[in-house]
Protein backbone atom coordinates (compact mmCIF):
# COMPACT_ATOMS: atom_id res chain seq x y z
CA MET A 1 0.00 0.01 0.02
CA ALA A 2 2.79 2.46 0.97
CA GLY A 3 4.35 1.91 -2.33
CA SER A 4 1.21 2.47 -4.24
CA GLY A 5 0.77 5.72 -2.55
CA LYS A 6 4.18 6.73 -3.56
CA LYS A 7 3.88 5.73 -6.98
CA GLY A 8 0.30 7.74 -6.91
CA ILE A 9 2.40 10.74 -6.09
CA ILE A 10 5.26 10.55 -8.16
CA LEU A 11 2.50 10.39 -11.13
CA ALA A 12 0.89 13.23 -9.83
CA VAL A 13 4.14 15.36 -9.63
CA ILE A 14 4.78 14.00 -13.22
CA ALA A 15 1.34 14.82 -14.56
CA ALA A 16 1.92 18.43 -13.13
CA CYS A 17 5.39 19.02 -14.65
CA VAL A 18 3.90 17.90 -18.10
CA PHE A 19 1.17 20.15 -17.62
CA ALA A 20 3.21 22.89 -16.82
CA LEU A 21 5.62 22.53 -19.69
CA VAL A 22 2.36 22.35 -22.19
CA TYR A 23 1.23 25.39 -20.59
CA PHE A 24 4.70 27.17 -20.92
CA GLY A 25 4.44 25.74 -24.23
CA ILE A 26 1.19 27.38 -25.19
CA THR A 27 2.02 30.28 -23.46
CA LEU A 28 5.68 30.76 -25.51
CA THR A 29 3.85 29.81 -28.69
CA ALA A 30 1.15 32.38 -28.31
CA ASN A 31 3.63 35.39 -27.26
CA LEU A 32 6.36 34.35 -29.85
CA GLY A 33 7.16 37.18 -32.23
CA LYS A 34 5.76 39.52 -29.61
CA SER A 35 8.11 42.10 -27.61
CA ASP A 36 7.32 42.88 -24.14
CA LYS A 37 5.79 46.31 -25.45
CA GLU A 38 3.21 44.65 -27.63
CA ILE A 39 2.38 42.36 -24.72
CA SER A 40 2.02 45.15 -22.61
CA ALA A 41 -0.33 47.25 -25.21
CA GLU A 42 -2.38 43.95 -25.44
CA ASP A 43 -2.88 44.06 -21.67
CA ALA A 44 -3.60 47.81 -21.44
CA GLY A 45 -6.14 47.15 -24.19
CA LYS A 46 -7.89 44.56 -21.46
CA LYS A 47 -7.57 46.90 -18.91
CA LEU A 48 -8.88 49.58 -20.70
CA ASN A 49 -11.82 47.91 -22.06
CA LYS A 50 -12.61 46.90 -18.58
CA LEU A 51 -12.49 50.28 -17.06
CA TYR A 52 -14.89 51.79 -19.69
CA SER A 53 -17.34 48.80 -18.87
CA ASN A 54 -17.60 50.50 -15.46
CA VAL A 55 -18.20 54.07 -16.70
CA ASN A 56 -21.57 55.27 -17.34
CA VAL A 57 -21.27 56.48 -20.80
CA THR A 58 -23.77 58.21 -23.06
CA VAL A 59 -23.79 59.96 -26.84
CA ALA A 60 -25.38 63.02 -27.04
CA ASP A 61 -27.22 64.18 -30.35
CA THR A 62 -24.92 66.57 -32.32
CA VAL A 63 -25.86 70.32 -32.41
CA LYS A 64 -24.46 72.86 -34.60
CA GLY A 65 -23.22 76.07 -33.89
CA GLN A 66 -22.43 79.41 -35.84
CA ILE A 67 -18.87 79.50 -36.35
CA ASP A 68 -16.72 82.39 -37.67
CA LEU A 69 -14.80 81.93 -40.84
CA ASP A 70 -12.14 84.74 -40.17
CA PRO A 71 -8.46 83.55 -39.28
CA ALA A 72 -7.85 83.88 -35.48
CA ASP A 73 -6.77 87.41 -34.40
CA ILE A 74 -3.65 87.34 -32.34
CA GLY A 75 -4.46 90.86 -31.26
CA GLU A 76 -8.12 90.03 -29.93
CA SER A 77 -6.60 87.13 -27.86
CA LEU A 78 -3.79 88.96 -26.14
CA PRO A 79 -4.77 90.32 -22.60
CA ASP A 80 -3.98 94.09 -21.14
CA ILE A 81 -0.70 94.66 -21.49
CA SER A 82 -0.85 94.95 -17.44
CA LYS A 83 -0.62 91.09 -17.06
CA PHE A 84 3.14 91.64 -17.83
CA PRO A 85 5.17 93.11 -15.00
CA ILE A 86 7.09 96.13 -14.55
CA SER A 87 10.11 94.76 -13.64
CA VAL A 88 11.93 98.32 -13.36
CA GLU A 89 10.20 101.57 -12.93
CA ASN A 90 11.07 105.09 -14.42
CA THR A 91 11.67 107.47 -12.03
CA THR A 92 10.96 110.72 -13.99
CA ASP A 93 8.30 111.99 -16.28
CA SER A 94 11.35 111.87 -19.28
CA PHE A 95 11.15 108.45 -19.97
CA VAL A 96 11.12 105.69 -22.43
CA GLU A 97 9.48 102.04 -21.74
CA ILE A 98 11.44 99.11 -23.18
CA PHE A 99 9.85 95.51 -23.63
CA SER A 100 12.80 93.16 -22.78
CA SER A 101 13.15 89.33 -23.12
CA THR A 102 12.94 87.33 -20.01
CA GLU A 103 16.12 86.14 -19.67
CA LYS A 104 17.59 89.46 -18.49
CA SER A 105 14.71 91.26 -17.17
CA GLY A 106 13.68 88.65 -14.48
CA THR A 107 15.31 87.60 -11.03
CA GLY A 108 18.55 86.64 -9.83
CA ASN A 109 20.96 85.33 -12.91
CA ASP A 110 18.00 86.58 -15.34
CA GLY A 111 17.71 89.93 -13.72
CA TRP A 112 20.76 91.99 -15.46
CA LEU A 113 18.91 94.36 -17.44
CA ASN A 114 16.83 95.19 -14.42
CA GLU A 115 20.02 96.28 -12.45
CA VAL A 116 21.64 98.11 -15.10
CA ALA A 117 18.43 99.92 -15.63
CA THR A 118 17.99 100.97 -11.91
CA ALA A 119 21.74 102.23 -12.33
CA PHE A 120 20.56 104.37 -15.10
CA ASN A 121 17.92 106.05 -13.37
CA ASP A 122 19.85 106.46 -10.32
CA ALA A 123 22.66 108.38 -12.34
CA LYS A 124 20.30 110.98 -12.90
CA ILE A 125 21.40 111.70 -16.42
CA MET A 126 20.14 114.78 -18.08
CA ILE A 127 18.77 114.45 -21.62
CA GLY A 128 17.32 117.96 -23.46
CA GLY A 129 17.43 119.49 -20.21
CA LYS A 130 15.31 116.95 -18.38
CA GLN A 131 16.31 114.09 -15.96
CA ALA A 132 15.91 111.10 -18.01
CA SER A 133 14.82 107.24 -17.02
CA VAL A 134 13.57 104.06 -18.24
CA LYS A 135 10.92 101.58 -17.50
CA ILE A 136 11.29 97.64 -18.14
CA ARG A 137 8.60 95.48 -18.73
CA ASN A 138 9.39 91.82 -18.55
CA ILE A 139 7.76 90.04 -21.59
CA ALA A 140 8.83 86.68 -23.75
CA SER A 141 10.24 88.19 -27.14
CA GLY A 142 7.67 86.06 -29.08
CA THR A 143 4.75 87.46 -27.04
CA ALA A 144 6.09 91.06 -27.15
CA THR A 145 6.12 90.73 -31.08
CA ASP A 146 2.71 89.72 -31.05
CA TYR A 147 1.77 93.10 -29.13
CA ILE A 148 3.65 95.06 -31.26
CA ARG A 149 2.70 93.12 -34.42
CA SER A 150 -0.79 93.40 -33.72
CA GLY A 151 -0.94 97.20 -32.94
CA LYS A 152 -2.27 96.41 -29.34
CA TYR A 153 0.45 97.87 -27.57
CA ILE A 154 4.06 99.29 -28.96
CA PRO A 155 6.45 100.46 -26.35
CA ASP A 156 9.46 102.98 -27.12
CA ALA A 157 12.07 100.34 -27.51
CA PHE A 158 12.31 96.51 -27.73
CA THR A 159 14.91 94.36 -26.69
CA PRO A 160 14.46 91.18 -27.74
CA SER A 161 16.60 87.99 -27.13
CA ASN A 162 17.85 87.85 -30.91
CA GLU A 163 17.37 90.11 -34.19
CA LEU A 164 14.83 87.82 -35.84
CA TRP A 165 12.36 89.20 -33.89
CA GLY A 166 13.28 92.46 -34.94
CA GLU A 167 12.94 91.69 -38.61
CA MET A 168 9.63 90.66 -38.33
CA VAL A 169 8.45 93.67 -36.43
CA LYS A 170 9.99 95.69 -39.26
CA ALA A 171 8.44 93.47 -41.61
CA ASN A 172 5.01 94.25 -40.34
CA GLY A 173 5.55 97.89 -41.24
CA THR A 174 6.04 98.93 -37.61
CA PRO A 175 8.80 102.01 -38.07
CA THR A 176 11.90 99.93 -36.29
CA VAL A 177 15.49 101.86 -35.87
CA LEU A 178 18.01 99.22 -34.64
CA ILE A 179 19.82 101.08 -31.79
CA SER A 180 22.67 98.56 -30.65
CA LYS A 181 23.22 95.03 -32.31
CA ARG A 182 24.37 94.03 -28.82
CA ILE A 183 23.90 94.90 -25.23
CA THR A 184 24.66 91.49 -23.89
CA GLY A 185 26.32 88.78 -25.47
CA ASN A 186 24.38 85.23 -25.51
CA VAL A 187 23.96 82.45 -28.03
CA ALA A 188 21.54 79.75 -28.57
CA GLY A 189 22.55 76.17 -28.69
CA VAL A 190 21.58 72.32 -28.59
CA VAL A 191 22.13 70.55 -25.31
CA THR A 192 23.29 67.12 -25.84
CA ASN A 193 23.61 64.09 -23.17
CA LYS A 194 27.27 63.35 -23.04
CA LYS A 195 27.05 59.90 -23.78
CA LYS A 196 25.26 60.50 -26.99
CA TYR A 197 27.32 63.33 -27.85
CA ASP A 198 30.24 61.10 -28.18
CA GLU A 199 28.53 58.39 -29.85
CA LEU A 200 27.04 60.95 -32.67
CA VAL A 201 30.83 62.76 -32.80
CA GLY A 202 32.43 59.27 -33.17
CA LYS A 203 30.12 58.56 -36.37
CA TYR A 204 29.39 62.06 -37.85
CA GLY A 205 33.29 63.54 -36.99
CA SER A 206 31.65 66.76 -35.36
CA LEU A 207 28.24 67.78 -33.96
CA ASN A 208 26.36 70.89 -35.52
CA VAL A 209 23.02 71.47 -36.62
CA LYS A 210 23.62 69.81 -40.04
CA THR A 211 24.70 66.51 -38.26
CA ILE A 212 22.22 66.95 -35.81
CA THR A 213 19.53 67.10 -38.41
CA ASP A 214 20.66 64.28 -40.38
CA ALA A 215 20.81 62.27 -37.02
CA ILE A 216 17.23 62.98 -36.20
CA ALA A 217 16.26 62.10 -39.56
CA ALA A 218 18.04 59.00 -39.06
CA ASN A 219 16.14 58.18 -35.96
CA GLU A 220 19.71 58.07 -34.00
CA LEU A 221 19.05 61.01 -31.97
CA SER A 222 15.78 61.98 -29.59
CA MET A 223 15.63 65.81 -29.71
CA GLY A 224 13.14 68.35 -28.36
CA TYR A 225 13.14 71.87 -29.46
CA THR A 226 10.31 74.85 -28.31
CA ASP A 227 7.65 76.60 -29.87
CA PRO A 228 9.03 78.78 -33.18
CA PHE A 229 6.13 81.17 -32.62
CA ALA A 230 6.86 81.92 -29.30
CA SER A 231 10.41 81.15 -28.47
CA SER A 232 13.63 82.76 -29.64
CA THR A 233 15.44 79.27 -29.51
CA GLY A 234 12.68 77.40 -31.37
CA LEU A 235 12.48 80.13 -34.02
CA ASN A 236 16.11 80.35 -34.41
CA PHE A 237 16.44 76.62 -34.45
CA LEU A 238 13.62 76.21 -37.36
CA VAL A 239 15.48 78.63 -39.29
CA THR A 240 18.63 77.17 -38.89
CA ALA A 241 17.44 73.47 -39.81
CA LEU A 242 15.51 74.69 -42.86
CA SER A 243 18.99 76.40 -43.90
CA THR A 244 20.75 72.88 -43.52
CA PHE A 245 18.51 71.61 -46.09
CA ASP A 246 18.76 74.93 -48.67
CA SER A 247 20.93 77.59 -47.46
CA SER A 248 19.87 79.63 -50.69
CA ASP A 249 16.18 79.53 -50.13
CA LEU A 250 14.63 78.21 -46.89
CA LEU A 251 11.31 77.70 -48.43
CA SER A 252 12.33 75.51 -51.36
CA ASP A 253 10.78 71.99 -52.18
CA LYS A 254 14.19 70.54 -51.16
CA ALA A 255 14.07 72.51 -47.93
CA VAL A 256 10.41 71.37 -47.24
CA GLN A 257 11.29 67.69 -48.01
CA GLY A 258 14.09 67.48 -45.91
CA PHE A 259 12.66 69.37 -42.89
CA GLU A 260 9.62 66.78 -43.11
CA ARG A 261 11.95 63.85 -43.12
CA PHE A 262 13.77 65.45 -40.12
CA GLN A 263 10.78 66.51 -38.16
CA ALA A 264 9.12 63.13 -38.58
CA ASN A 265 11.30 61.82 -35.69
CA VAL A 266 10.98 64.64 -33.47
CA PRO A 267 9.43 63.41 -30.59
CA PHE A 268 8.63 66.15 -28.39
CA ILE A 269 7.79 70.24 -29.17
CA ALA A 270 7.66 71.86 -26.15
CA SER A 271 5.53 75.05 -25.37
CA THR A 272 8.06 76.41 -22.96
CA THR A 273 11.54 75.65 -21.96
CA LEU A 274 10.91 74.66 -18.34
CA GLN A 275 8.37 71.94 -20.25
CA MET A 276 11.30 71.04 -22.35
CA ARG A 277 13.93 70.59 -19.36
CA ASP A 278 11.26 68.60 -17.25
CA ALA A 279 11.15 66.26 -20.24
CA ALA A 280 14.49 65.67 -20.31
CA LYS A 281 15.12 65.28 -16.68
CA THR A 282 12.86 61.96 -17.04
CA GLY A 283 15.46 60.63 -19.69
CA ALA A 284 13.00 60.84 -22.74
CA LEU A 285 15.37 63.24 -24.80
CA ASP A 286 18.87 62.68 -25.63
CA ALA A 287 18.86 66.70 -26.82
CA PHE A 288 17.04 69.84 -26.62
CA VAL A 289 17.75 73.79 -27.40
CA LEU A 290 18.61 76.00 -24.68
CA GLU A 291 20.52 79.81 -24.82
CA TYR A 292 24.21 79.37 -23.35
CA GLN A 293 23.36 81.69 -20.53
CA THR A 294 20.66 79.26 -18.83
CA TYR A 295 23.25 76.25 -19.52
CA VAL A 296 26.20 77.94 -17.83
CA ASN A 297 24.18 78.62 -14.64
CA ALA A 298 22.50 74.83 -14.43
CA PRO A 299 25.16 72.54 -12.79
CA ASP A 300 23.25 69.78 -13.56
CA LEU A 301 23.30 70.62 -17.29
CA LYS A 302 27.11 71.54 -17.17
CA SER A 303 28.26 68.31 -15.74
CA GLY A 304 26.28 65.68 -17.89
CA TYR A 305 25.75 67.81 -21.12
CA VAL A 306 27.61 69.41 -24.04
CA PHE A 307 26.68 72.78 -25.75
CA THR A 308 26.69 72.78 -29.53
CA PRO A 309 25.77 76.66 -30.63
CA PHE A 310 23.69 77.20 -33.70
CA GLY A 311 22.12 79.80 -35.99
CA VAL A 312 22.21 83.69 -35.01
CA ARG A 313 23.79 85.21 -31.86
CA HIS A 314 21.35 86.01 -29.07
CA ASP A 315 22.74 89.08 -28.55
CA SER A 316 19.75 91.30 -27.23
CA PRO A 317 19.78 93.70 -30.21
CA LEU A 318 17.94 97.11 -28.85
CA TYR A 319 15.07 98.69 -31.35
CA ALA A 320 13.70 102.04 -30.94
CA LEU A 321 9.98 101.53 -32.47
CA GLY A 322 7.37 104.07 -33.74
CA ASN A 323 7.79 107.82 -34.73
CA LEU A 324 9.41 108.90 -31.72
CA PRO A 325 10.12 112.60 -30.73
CA LYS A 326 14.04 113.22 -30.31
CA GLU A 327 13.82 113.12 -26.44
CA LYS A 328 12.71 109.66 -26.29
CA LEU A 329 15.28 108.42 -29.36
CA ASP A 330 18.02 110.10 -27.64
CA ILE A 331 16.97 108.37 -24.19
CA ILE A 332 17.07 104.84 -25.63
CA LYS A 333 20.54 105.85 -27.45
CA LYS A 334 21.97 106.78 -24.26
CA PHE A 335 20.71 104.02 -22.12
CA ALA A 336 22.41 101.84 -25.24
CA GLU A 337 25.95 103.62 -24.14
CA PHE A 338 25.46 103.01 -20.64
CA THR A 339 25.03 99.32 -20.82
CA GLU A 340 28.43 99.09 -22.83
CA GLN A 341 30.17 100.37 -19.71
CA ASP A 342 32.77 97.80 -18.60
CA ARG A 343 31.07 97.16 -15.15
CA TYR A 344 27.85 96.47 -16.27
CA GLN A 345 29.16 93.96 -19.10
CA GLN A 346 31.04 92.44 -16.32
CA LEU A 347 27.88 92.33 -14.22
CA ALA A 348 26.62 90.40 -17.34
CA SER A 349 29.43 88.14 -17.76
CA ASP A 350 29.04 87.21 -14.04
CA LYS A 351 25.24 85.94 -14.94
CA GLY A 352 26.22 83.74 -17.41
CA PHE A 353 26.09 86.10 -20.20
CA ASN A 354 28.99 87.14 -22.87
CA GLY A 355 30.28 83.77 -22.96
CA MET A 356 31.22 82.18 -26.19
CA ASN A 357 32.01 85.33 -27.96
CA GLU A 358 33.92 83.67 -30.47
CA TYR A 359 30.65 82.21 -32.23
CA VAL A 360 29.81 83.89 -35.46
CA SER A 361 26.60 83.79 -36.64
CA GLU A 362 25.85 80.77 -39.17
CA LEU A 363 22.91 82.61 -40.75
CA ALA A 364 22.84 85.50 -42.96
CA PRO A 365 20.07 88.14 -42.17
CA ILE A 366 16.41 86.70 -42.61
CA GLU A 367 13.82 89.22 -43.99
CA GLY A 368 10.75 89.20 -41.75
CA ASN A 369 8.34 88.17 -44.08
CA LEU A 370 10.56 85.00 -44.87
CA LEU A 371 10.31 84.17 -40.94
CA SER A 372 6.76 84.50 -41.06
CA SER A 373 6.22 82.15 -43.80
CA ALA A 374 8.69 79.81 -42.10
CA GLN A 375 6.19 79.83 -39.06
CA LYS A 376 3.59 79.20 -41.31
CA LEU A 377 5.28 75.97 -43.01
CA TRP A 378 6.16 74.42 -39.75
CA LYS A 379 2.61 74.61 -38.43
CA GLU A 380 1.22 72.95 -41.81
CA LYS A 381 4.52 70.20 -41.90
CA LYS A 382 5.31 69.51 -38.11
CA ASP A 383 3.30 66.49 -38.09
CA GLY A 384 4.55 65.25 -41.42
CA SER A 385 2.31 62.51 -42.55
CA LYS A 386 1.11 61.53 -39.22
CA PRO A 387 -2.08 63.55 -38.56
CA ILE A 388 -3.06 64.35 -35.11
CA ALA A 389 -6.40 63.05 -33.31
CA ALA A 390 -7.40 64.92 -30.31
CA VAL A 391 -10.42 64.59 -27.91
CA PHE A 392 -11.11 67.75 -25.49
CA VAL A 393 -12.17 66.60 -22.17
CA ALA A 394 -14.56 69.17 -20.29
CA ASP A 395 -15.38 69.29 -16.74
CA VAL A 396 -19.43 70.32 -15.99
CA SER A 397 -19.51 69.29 -12.73
CA GLY A 398 -21.24 71.40 -10.23
CA SER A 399 -18.18 73.07 -9.00
CA MET A 400 -17.52 74.50 -12.34
CA ALA A 401 -21.09 76.34 -12.15
CA GLY A 402 -20.96 80.19 -13.52
CA GLU A 403 -17.61 82.00 -14.04
CA PRO A 404 -15.40 78.73 -14.51
CA LEU A 405 -17.58 77.18 -17.04
CA ASN A 406 -18.16 80.18 -18.95
CA HIS A 407 -14.61 80.88 -19.01
CA LEU A 408 -13.80 77.30 -20.00
CA LYS A 409 -16.41 77.98 -23.18
CA GLU A 410 -14.89 81.38 -23.91
CA SER A 411 -11.36 79.76 -24.27
CA LEU A 412 -12.64 76.91 -26.10
CA LEU A 413 -14.55 78.96 -29.01
CA LYS A 414 -11.59 81.55 -29.09
CA GLY A 415 -8.84 78.82 -29.24
CA GLN A 416 -10.52 76.51 -31.46
CA LYS A 417 -9.63 78.85 -34.34
CA PHE A 418 -5.64 77.74 -33.94
CA LEU A 419 -6.91 73.78 -34.75
CA GLY A 420 -5.13 72.54 -37.86
CA LYS A 421 -7.84 71.55 -40.45
CA ASP A 422 -5.89 68.62 -41.38
CA ASN A 423 -6.31 67.11 -37.77
CA SER A 424 -9.16 65.00 -36.01
CA ILE A 425 -10.83 65.72 -33.09
CA GLY A 426 -13.71 64.73 -30.52
CA PHE A 427 -15.24 66.46 -27.48
CA VAL A 428 -16.18 64.78 -24.11
CA SER A 429 -17.89 65.97 -21.03
CA TYR A 430 -18.34 64.78 -17.61
CA SER A 431 -19.77 64.97 -14.49
CA SER A 432 -20.91 61.89 -12.48
CA ASP A 433 -21.01 60.38 -15.69
CA VAL A 434 -19.25 61.02 -19.27
CA THR A 435 -21.10 62.27 -22.32
CA ILE A 436 -19.60 62.05 -25.74
CA ASN A 437 -20.71 65.20 -27.16
CA LEU A 438 -19.01 64.56 -30.16
CA PRO A 439 -17.19 61.57 -31.88
CA ILE A 440 -14.04 62.01 -33.53
CA ALA A 441 -13.93 63.11 -37.26
CA LYS A 442 -11.50 65.30 -39.44
CA TYR A 443 -12.26 68.90 -38.43
CA ASP A 444 -13.78 70.38 -41.48
CA THR A 445 -16.22 73.18 -41.42
CA ASN A 446 -19.12 70.74 -40.34
CA GLN A 447 -16.91 69.05 -37.19
CA GLN A 448 -16.40 72.76 -36.44
CA SER A 449 -19.98 73.90 -36.30
CA MET A 450 -20.46 70.55 -34.12
CA PHE A 451 -17.95 71.33 -32.22
CA VAL A 452 -18.80 74.79 -31.25
CA GLY A 453 -22.60 73.82 -30.65
CA ALA A 454 -21.19 71.12 -28.17
CA ILE A 455 -19.49 73.86 -26.39
CA ASN A 456 -22.46 76.21 -26.35
CA SER A 457 -24.81 73.26 -24.88
CA LEU A 458 -22.60 72.57 -21.77
CA GLN A 459 -24.39 72.92 -18.36
CA ALA A 460 -22.66 72.43 -15.27
CA THR A 461 -24.07 69.84 -12.72
CA GLY A 462 -23.04 66.89 -10.34
CA GLY A 463 -20.03 65.36 -9.24
CA THR A 464 -16.44 65.23 -10.69
CA ALA A 465 -15.34 61.83 -12.24
CA THR A 466 -12.29 63.28 -13.89
CA PHE A 467 -10.58 60.24 -15.07
CA ASP A 468 -13.82 58.64 -16.05
CA GLY A 469 -13.79 61.38 -18.72
CA ILE A 470 -10.11 60.60 -19.38
CA ILE A 471 -10.94 56.67 -19.71
CA VAL A 472 -13.60 57.68 -22.29
CA ALA A 473 -11.30 59.90 -24.41
CA MET A 474 -8.66 57.13 -24.38
CA LYS A 475 -10.92 54.58 -25.44
CA MET A 476 -12.26 56.78 -28.37
CA LEU A 477 -8.26 57.19 -29.14
CA GLN A 478 -7.57 53.48 -29.26
CA ASP A 479 -10.65 53.00 -31.53
CA GLN A 480 -9.51 55.62 -33.93
CA ILE A 481 -5.66 54.19 -33.76
CA ALA A 482 -7.06 50.86 -34.83
CA LEU A 483 -8.63 52.59 -38.00
CA ASN A 484 -5.33 54.48 -38.66
CA PRO A 485 -2.36 53.54 -36.84
CA ASP A 486 -0.23 56.48 -37.87
CA ILE A 487 -2.29 59.19 -35.70
CA LYS A 488 -0.95 60.77 -32.87
CA PRO A 489 -3.15 60.73 -29.90
CA VAL A 490 -3.97 64.12 -27.85
CA ILE A 491 -5.86 64.90 -24.82
CA PHE A 492 -6.64 68.29 -23.42
CA VAL A 493 -8.66 68.24 -20.28
CA LEU A 494 -10.43 71.46 -19.38
CA SER A 495 -11.09 71.01 -15.13
CA ASP A 496 -11.13 72.60 -11.71
CA GLY A 497 -8.79 69.45 -10.89
CA GLU A 498 -11.04 68.53 -7.86
CA THR A 499 -11.93 64.83 -8.66
CA ASN A 500 -14.24 63.15 -6.30
CA GLU A 501 -16.06 60.47 -7.82
CA GLY A 502 -15.56 57.34 -10.52
CA HIS A 503 -11.84 55.89 -10.77
CA SER A 504 -8.46 57.27 -9.91
CA LEU A 505 -5.30 58.67 -11.23
CA ASP A 506 -3.50 55.28 -9.96
CA GLU A 507 -5.82 53.24 -12.00
CA ILE A 508 -5.48 54.87 -15.28
CA ARG A 509 -1.76 56.24 -14.60
CA GLY A 510 -0.26 52.53 -16.51
CA LEU A 511 -2.55 53.02 -19.14
CA ILE A 512 -1.53 56.69 -20.05
CA GLU A 513 2.12 55.43 -19.84
CA THR A 514 1.50 52.66 -21.94
CA TYR A 515 -0.24 54.32 -24.57
CA LYS A 516 2.06 57.59 -24.45
CA ILE A 517 -0.59 59.91 -24.86
CA PRO A 518 0.23 63.28 -23.73
CA VAL A 519 -2.69 65.02 -21.40
CA TYR A 520 -2.63 68.51 -21.47
CA THR A 521 -4.48 70.19 -18.72
CA ILE A 522 -6.47 73.60 -18.27
CA GLY A 523 -7.06 74.60 -14.66
CA TYR A 524 -10.38 76.45 -13.95
CA ASN A 525 -10.41 77.90 -10.43
CA ALA A 526 -8.42 74.90 -10.06
CA ASN A 527 -6.18 72.64 -7.76
CA ILE A 528 -3.40 73.21 -10.02
CA LYS A 529 -1.38 70.66 -8.20
CA ALA A 530 -3.76 67.51 -8.98
CA LEU A 531 -3.72 68.50 -12.97
CA GLU A 532 0.10 68.76 -12.94
CA SER A 533 0.29 65.51 -12.07
CA ILE A 534 -1.74 64.17 -14.66
CA SER A 535 0.22 66.25 -17.25
CA SER A 536 3.60 65.20 -15.73
CA ILE A 537 3.14 61.62 -16.83
CA ASN A 538 3.71 62.10 -20.32
CA GLU A 539 5.67 65.48 -19.93
CA ALA A 540 2.81 67.46 -21.54
CA ALA A 541 1.72 71.12 -20.25
CA ASN A 542 -0.40 72.41 -17.68
CA ILE A 543 -1.82 75.78 -17.82
CA ASN A 544 -3.91 77.77 -15.21
CA ALA A 545 -6.77 79.47 -16.49
CA ASP A 546 -7.50 81.51 -13.81
CA THR A 547 -5.40 84.53 -15.76
CA ASP A 548 -6.59 86.89 -18.09
CA ASP A 549 -4.31 85.65 -20.68
CA VAL A 550 -5.80 82.40 -20.68
CA VAL A 551 -7.00 82.53 -24.48
CA TYR A 552 -3.84 83.64 -25.61
CA LYS A 553 -1.97 80.71 -23.81
CA ILE A 554 -4.69 78.04 -25.19
CA GLY A 555 -4.03 79.58 -28.61
CA ASN A 556 -0.20 78.95 -28.60
CA LEU A 557 -0.72 75.84 -26.63
CA LEU A 558 -3.12 74.57 -29.38
CA ASN A 559 -0.80 76.05 -32.53
CA VAL A 560 1.81 74.01 -31.05
CA GLN A 561 0.16 70.91 -30.56
CA MET A 562 -2.42 70.84 -33.27
């Protein structure tokens, strides 16, 4: 009996082993040829379907709204100029106001021009029998150019980061006089991870924008750059890249085709330098664009990255604008001379400026209308042959009632003019449940009309199930990808950030990571930190809509991403 018992145990063990081997063989065969990523995506699909099945989803009847076919008016979307702070106040009635780029009119190492302007005002300089002073307004070069070109606000003088913006202002018809080609030195560059830098130099012999664009086109370098409509470095990089494909004509067929090949492998366009640096910290990028003054003041970058200069120099030229009286023109000239003093140039050097003085601009001067055409080309070609499919997810819970929902509607109705017509969009709203207001379709005139109608029909009530809304948006996008694998999915969430019902971020974080869908968040009277935690998963941007420049911000965001 004991022997037969042992025999039974042995047979059971053998059977179990055979079962395990057969099961393992089936599993191995089933997964043969699949990468870990594909298996993970398969699991993600199952999880998404399970989560979606737990959400109460309704499909609303589509309603058409009246659309305005006039192109977007930048001037209309700009807030009152008081939104942008005065970093140095004038001390006399005889003064000039100067728009200054942010790297020199901010604080700390970014406050050089403020210190010089304060010293100028303290010097009690007399011009035309009156004591002169200057007022400095801290405003990014691209935004400043929008104010000037639209005519919404024109200061007496303008010192952008580089001369490209001055050329655009001049081409727009604003009287523009170059007072100083340089008030302090700086350059733009590509900052590359040292390991990747050594690898590329080993293959190409050296690193410059030509070899960088070649490496990106060959999918050997993962690099991001900033919005060329808003960023000085981004605009500089755009025209420099175009020139590497055809230096004689930035808009030739050869240049456009080269740009499309290169752009097809650019994984990331950032709305701001901060957003791009955050992406680099995650290891998602091998390289990104930056000004040298920022690079030299960042120990984490200096130790692990190599700076390669490109394009036109960023020497902060100073322009007089408009038909100024002689008194104002003389103040601007005197201020330019004041900045050239050795002590103030040494102060600039101490703050990271005036480095790489040996670098000479790679580009000849570019006429302003050509720069505008290059921006338009970028907008049309930045996504290459991969159209974007985006779902807007709007919070219509009770906490959004009143001003927040009105603000949301206004910003979407005005911002939708910046959506590219070759892309596709859908619209979802949520409170305790989720409504598909508009299925994803190409953003033609008909879809635009239904998008406007859906926005106008929104009403606030109920709880806040933000992540249920995102689940539905992801399901819509995955269904769209099944039809067209080449689309690039994007989600825009507009909310106050206070989730109190439905699924949690922890439940969907893995899905967002697996599908690599950037989730841009726009907060209305919001818990901004909660929204930032969603956007940070795939290095997307977060916008605080509780400011009077939200329409302009959203317009810029949609211009870049759509």
